[in-house]
Amino acid sequence: MPILEVNNICKTFGHTQVLRHINLSLEKGQALSIIGSSGSGKTTLLRCLNFLERPDQGVIRVNGETLFDADDPSTQSEAAIRRKRLRFGLVFQSFHLFPQYTALENVMLARKLLAAEQPDFKARKREILEEIEAQANLLLSQMGLSNRASNYPHQLSGGQCQRVAIARALALHPDILCFDEPTSALDPELTGEVLRVIRDLAKQNTTMIIVTHEMTFARDVADHVIFMDEGVIVEQGDPAQVFEHPEEERTKQFLSHYKQG
């Protein structure tokens, strides 16, 4: 059974249909790259999967559980959406770190808020917080940021901030880790350090969806590639097929432009 099943997702803003009948699936441990021109619907699809936007039509399932069904109001309550959003971790383009918190506190924050809702939190508060801090420190270490745990975002480079954001997303142990153009806000010399972290996650069989304009990276890191244009999936397949032997004319045009650039 696929870890993710997306069936017939549609999304409209005003009179503009941004997503049109999107169908895809993802196996556990796979990395999926989504490529396409700006405005093709890539980010909107990612936001729908994370319930930052609600599809007008379609079904989203994770591990066989229906997280969203446009025809079933019981899947659309605020409480249900808040809980199900935790199944996905999202790393934004521009980090979205809280400036008043250190790197360590940024990674810990969501876990602490969730822990405080547990019935045994008061009785086990010290133990629980120590465990959350230890896990956050371990994640920062994996990101190569052990010596930056007490730094605030303004004391970090863009690449370091993005690695903190990745650690924060991983802290919630999501089923699927999503990246929305994770290097687009970075200077070229900082891009490589973030891409190396994502490559390492791929080697660890982390299930990921990566929206990116980094074509070489998309080809190298992904098990499966989707090319989107005007809100539809034009072509999909393994990286060698999509990048080296595209079948659709629109895919060929897009990749030709990329190669020329």
Protein backbone atom coordinates (compact mmCIF):
# COMPACT_ATOMS: atom_id res chain seq x y z
CA MET A 1 0.00 0.00 0.00
CA PRO A 2 1.40 3.47 -0.89
CA ILE A 3 2.12 5.75 2.03
CA LEU A 4 0.41 8.60 0.14
CA GLU A 5 -2.53 8.48 -2.26
CA VAL A 6 -3.89 11.64 -3.87
CA ASN A 7 -7.04 11.23 -5.94
CA ASN A 8 -8.65 13.85 -8.18
CA ILE A 9 -7.49 16.94 -6.27
CA CYS A 10 -8.81 20.23 -7.64
CA LYS A 11 -8.31 23.76 -6.31
CA THR A 12 -9.68 27.06 -7.57
CA PHE A 13 -8.88 30.60 -6.49
CA GLY A 14 -11.58 32.95 -7.72
CA HIS A 15 -12.02 32.15 -11.40
CA THR A 16 -8.61 30.52 -11.75
CA GLN A 17 -8.37 26.74 -11.53
CA VAL A 18 -4.91 26.20 -10.08
CA LEU A 19 -5.06 22.40 -9.71
CA ARG A 20 -7.01 20.18 -12.09
CA HIS A 21 -7.65 16.53 -11.25
CA ILE A 22 -4.30 15.71 -9.65
CA ASN A 23 -3.63 12.00 -9.05
CA LEU A 24 -0.42 10.64 -7.57
CA SER A 25 0.92 8.06 -5.14
CA LEU A 26 4.12 7.74 -3.14
CA GLU A 27 5.73 4.68 -1.59
CA LYS A 28 7.32 4.74 1.87
CA GLY A 29 10.99 5.75 1.65
CA GLN A 30 10.65 7.33 -1.79
CA ALA A 31 11.69 10.85 -2.75
CA LEU A 32 9.37 12.61 -5.21
CA SER A 33 10.55 15.72 -7.07
CA ILE A 34 7.93 18.06 -8.52
CA ILE A 35 9.20 20.37 -11.25
CA GLY A 36 7.60 22.93 -13.53
CA SER A 37 7.45 26.63 -14.30
CA SER A 38 6.38 29.20 -11.73
CA GLY A 39 2.59 29.28 -11.52
CA SER A 40 2.17 25.66 -12.60
CA GLY A 41 0.51 24.67 -9.29
CA LYS A 42 3.44 22.97 -7.54
CA THR A 43 3.33 24.98 -4.33
CA THR A 44 -0.47 24.93 -4.18
CA LEU A 45 -0.38 21.14 -4.38
CA LEU A 46 2.10 21.04 -1.50
CA ARG A 47 -0.08 23.43 0.54
CA CYS A 48 -3.12 21.25 -0.09
CA LEU A 49 -1.24 18.18 1.13
CA ASN A 50 -0.32 20.08 4.31
CA PHE A 51 -3.88 21.46 4.67
CA LEU A 52 -2.71 25.05 4.48
CA GLU A 53 -5.19 25.15 1.60
CA ARG A 54 -8.25 22.93 1.38
CA PRO A 55 -8.96 21.27 -1.96
CA ASP A 56 -12.33 21.91 -3.57
CA GLN A 57 -12.48 18.33 -4.73
CA GLY A 58 -10.65 15.06 -4.14
CA VAL A 59 -9.29 12.70 -1.52
CA ILE A 60 -5.97 12.51 0.37
CA ARG A 61 -4.96 9.29 2.13
CA VAL A 62 -1.87 8.49 4.22
CA ASN A 63 -1.14 4.87 5.16
CA GLY A 64 -4.65 3.96 4.08
CA GLU A 65 -6.31 6.52 6.36
CA THR A 66 -8.49 9.12 4.66
CA LEU A 67 -7.18 12.46 5.90
CA PHE A 68 -9.32 14.57 3.60
CA ASP A 69 -12.38 13.92 1.48
CA ALA A 70 -14.06 16.96 -0.07
CA ASP A 71 -17.37 15.09 0.07
CA ASP A 72 -17.04 14.15 3.76
CA PRO A 73 -17.44 17.11 6.18
CA SER A 74 -16.18 15.01 9.11
CA THR A 75 -12.66 15.16 7.61
CA GLN A 76 -12.72 18.96 7.40
CA SER A 77 -13.21 20.18 10.96
CA GLU A 78 -10.49 22.42 12.40
CA ALA A 79 -9.64 19.82 15.05
CA ALA A 80 -9.34 17.04 12.45
CA ILE A 81 -7.22 19.17 10.12
CA ARG A 82 -4.90 20.27 12.94
CA ARG A 83 -4.24 16.67 13.96
CA LYS A 84 -3.82 15.36 10.44
CA ARG A 85 -1.46 18.19 9.47
CA LEU A 86 1.11 16.56 11.76
CA ARG A 87 1.40 13.68 9.28
CA PHE A 88 3.32 16.07 7.01
CA GLY A 89 6.37 18.18 7.80
CA LEU A 90 6.78 21.30 5.66
CA VAL A 91 9.98 23.25 5.08
CA PHE A 92 9.16 26.65 3.61
CA GLN A 93 11.11 28.74 1.14
CA SER A 94 11.94 31.43 3.69
CA PHE A 95 12.56 29.37 6.84
CA HIS A 96 9.72 30.94 8.95
CA LEU A 97 11.75 30.60 12.13
CA PHE A 98 10.61 32.52 15.20
CA PRO A 99 13.17 35.32 15.65
CA GLN A 100 12.72 35.52 19.44
CA TYR A 101 13.75 31.88 19.93
CA THR A 102 17.14 30.20 19.62
CA ALA A 103 17.76 27.45 17.08
CA LEU A 104 17.20 24.84 19.79
CA GLU A 105 13.99 26.50 20.98
CA ASN A 106 12.67 26.71 17.42
CA VAL A 107 13.16 22.97 16.98
CA MET A 108 11.58 22.18 20.37
CA LEU A 109 8.59 24.52 20.23
CA ALA A 110 5.99 22.45 18.39
CA ARG A 111 6.87 19.30 20.35
CA LYS A 112 6.50 21.21 23.62
CA LEU A 113 3.09 22.57 22.63
CA LEU A 114 1.87 19.11 21.71
CA ALA A 115 3.30 17.56 24.87
CA ALA A 116 1.51 20.14 27.02
CA GLU A 117 -1.80 18.80 25.71
CA GLN A 118 -1.10 15.29 26.97
CA PRO A 119 -2.95 14.23 30.16
CA ASP A 120 0.23 13.15 31.95
CA PHE A 121 2.25 16.28 31.11
CA LYS A 122 2.10 17.90 34.55
CA ALA A 123 3.15 14.72 36.29
CA ARG A 124 6.03 14.07 33.89
CA LYS A 125 6.84 17.62 32.76
CA ARG A 126 10.56 17.60 33.58
CA GLU A 127 11.14 14.15 32.05
CA ILE A 128 9.18 15.01 28.90
CA LEU A 129 10.95 18.34 28.35
CA GLU A 130 14.36 16.76 28.86
CA GLU A 131 13.49 14.13 26.25
CA ILE A 132 12.29 16.79 23.78
CA GLU A 133 15.48 18.82 24.30
CA ALA A 134 17.69 15.76 23.81
CA GLN A 135 15.92 14.89 20.55
CA ALA A 136 16.18 18.50 19.34
CA ASN A 137 19.90 18.56 20.07
CA LEU A 138 20.33 15.30 18.19
CA LEU A 139 18.53 16.70 15.15
CA LEU A 140 20.66 19.86 15.20
CA SER A 141 23.73 17.64 15.37
CA GLN A 142 22.52 15.73 12.32
CA MET A 143 22.16 19.08 10.54
CA GLY A 144 25.75 19.99 11.47
CA LEU A 145 24.57 22.71 13.87
CA SER A 146 25.58 21.43 17.31
CA ASN A 147 27.58 24.58 17.92
CA ARG A 148 24.69 26.84 16.86
CA ALA A 149 21.95 25.60 19.21
CA SER A 150 21.98 28.79 21.33
CA ASN A 151 22.13 31.17 18.36
CA TYR A 152 19.12 33.22 17.29
CA PRO A 153 18.03 33.26 13.62
CA HIS A 154 19.62 36.68 13.00
CA GLN A 155 22.96 35.17 14.07
CA LEU A 156 22.73 32.38 11.49
CA SER A 157 23.34 32.28 7.75
CA GLY A 158 20.46 31.53 5.41
CA GLY A 159 21.70 27.99 4.92
CA GLN A 160 21.93 27.46 8.67
CA CYS A 161 18.40 28.84 9.15
CA GLN A 162 17.08 26.43 6.54
CA ARG A 163 18.81 23.52 8.25
CA VAL A 164 17.18 24.55 11.54
CA ALA A 165 13.84 24.58 9.71
CA ILE A 166 14.50 21.04 8.44
CA ALA A 167 15.31 19.89 11.99
CA ARG A 168 12.11 21.51 13.24
CA ALA A 169 10.05 19.67 10.63
CA LEU A 170 11.73 16.36 11.48
CA ALA A 171 11.12 16.87 15.22
CA LEU A 172 7.45 15.98 14.77
CA HIS A 173 8.31 12.64 13.14
CA PRO A 174 6.10 13.24 10.09
CA ASP A 175 5.15 10.44 7.72
CA ILE A 176 6.13 12.64 4.78
CA LEU A 177 8.61 15.52 4.72
CA CYS A 178 7.80 18.26 2.21
CA PHE A 179 10.10 20.94 0.81
CA ASP A 180 8.83 24.03 -0.99
CA GLU A 181 11.74 25.42 -3.01
CA PRO A 182 14.12 24.92 -0.06
CA THR A 183 17.01 26.79 -1.69
CA SER A 184 15.22 29.61 -3.50
CA ALA A 185 15.90 32.17 -0.74
CA LEU A 186 19.58 31.26 -0.46
CA ASP A 187 22.70 32.69 -2.04
CA PRO A 188 24.29 30.21 -4.47
CA GLU A 189 27.16 29.36 -2.13
CA LEU A 190 24.70 28.39 0.63
CA THR A 191 22.50 26.22 -1.59
CA GLY A 192 24.88 23.27 -1.58
CA GLU A 193 24.82 22.78 2.20
CA VAL A 194 21.03 22.46 2.24
CA LEU A 195 20.98 20.14 -0.76
CA ARG A 196 23.55 17.92 0.96
CA VAL A 197 21.24 17.57 3.98
CA ILE A 198 18.33 16.59 1.74
CA ARG A 199 20.51 14.09 -0.12
CA ASP A 200 21.48 12.54 3.22
CA LEU A 201 17.81 12.27 4.18
CA ALA A 202 17.12 10.54 0.87
CA LYS A 203 19.90 8.04 1.59
CA GLN A 204 18.18 7.33 4.92
CA ASN A 205 14.98 6.49 2.99
CA THR A 206 13.09 9.48 4.35
CA THR A 207 9.78 9.80 2.49
CA MET A 208 9.90 13.22 0.83
CA ILE A 209 8.16 15.49 -1.64
CA ILE A 210 10.46 18.18 -3.02
CA VAL A 211 9.25 21.13 -5.08
CA THR A 212 12.36 22.55 -6.69
CA HIS A 213 13.83 24.54 -9.56
CA GLU A 214 17.18 22.77 -9.07
CA MET A 215 16.92 20.39 -12.01
CA THR A 216 20.17 18.53 -11.48
CA PHE A 217 19.26 18.01 -7.85
CA ALA A 218 15.72 16.90 -8.74
CA ARG A 219 17.11 14.32 -11.15
CA ASP A 220 19.80 13.04 -8.79
CA VAL A 221 17.86 12.78 -5.51
CA ALA A 222 14.42 11.60 -6.66
CA ASP A 223 13.03 8.12 -7.16
CA HIS A 224 10.11 9.62 -9.09
CA VAL A 225 9.63 12.93 -10.91
CA ILE A 226 6.44 14.82 -11.74
CA PHE A 227 6.34 17.66 -14.27
CA MET A 228 3.41 20.06 -13.80
CA ASP A 229 2.09 22.73 -16.11
CA GLU A 230 -1.04 24.88 -15.80
CA GLY A 231 -2.36 22.89 -12.87
CA VAL A 232 -2.07 19.41 -14.34
CA ILE A 233 0.48 16.62 -14.21
CA VAL A 234 1.81 16.59 -17.76
CA GLU A 235 4.31 13.78 -17.31
CA GLN A 236 5.74 11.59 -14.58
CA GLY A 237 8.15 8.71 -14.25
CA ASP A 238 11.59 7.79 -13.02
CA PRO A 239 14.20 10.57 -13.35
CA ALA A 240 16.03 9.01 -16.31
CA GLN A 241 12.83 8.71 -18.30
CA VAL A 242 11.51 12.23 -17.55
CA PHE A 243 14.81 14.07 -17.94
CA GLU A 244 16.48 12.07 -20.69
CA HIS A 245 13.55 10.71 -22.69
CA PRO A 246 10.47 12.88 -22.09
CA GLU A 247 7.43 11.88 -24.09
CA GLU A 248 5.30 15.03 -23.88
CA GLU A 249 6.11 18.07 -26.01
CA ARG A 250 5.51 20.48 -23.11
CA THR A 251 8.04 18.56 -20.99
CA LYS A 252 10.56 18.69 -23.81
CA GLN A 253 10.08 22.47 -24.14
CA PHE A 254 10.53 23.03 -20.39
CA LEU A 255 13.67 20.89 -20.13
CA SER A 256 15.11 22.42 -23.30
CA HIS A 257 14.75 25.87 -21.75
CA TYR A 258 16.40 24.60 -18.56
CA LYS A 259 19.34 23.12 -20.46
CA GLN A 260 19.82 26.28 -22.49
CA GLY A 261 19.77 28.36 -19.29
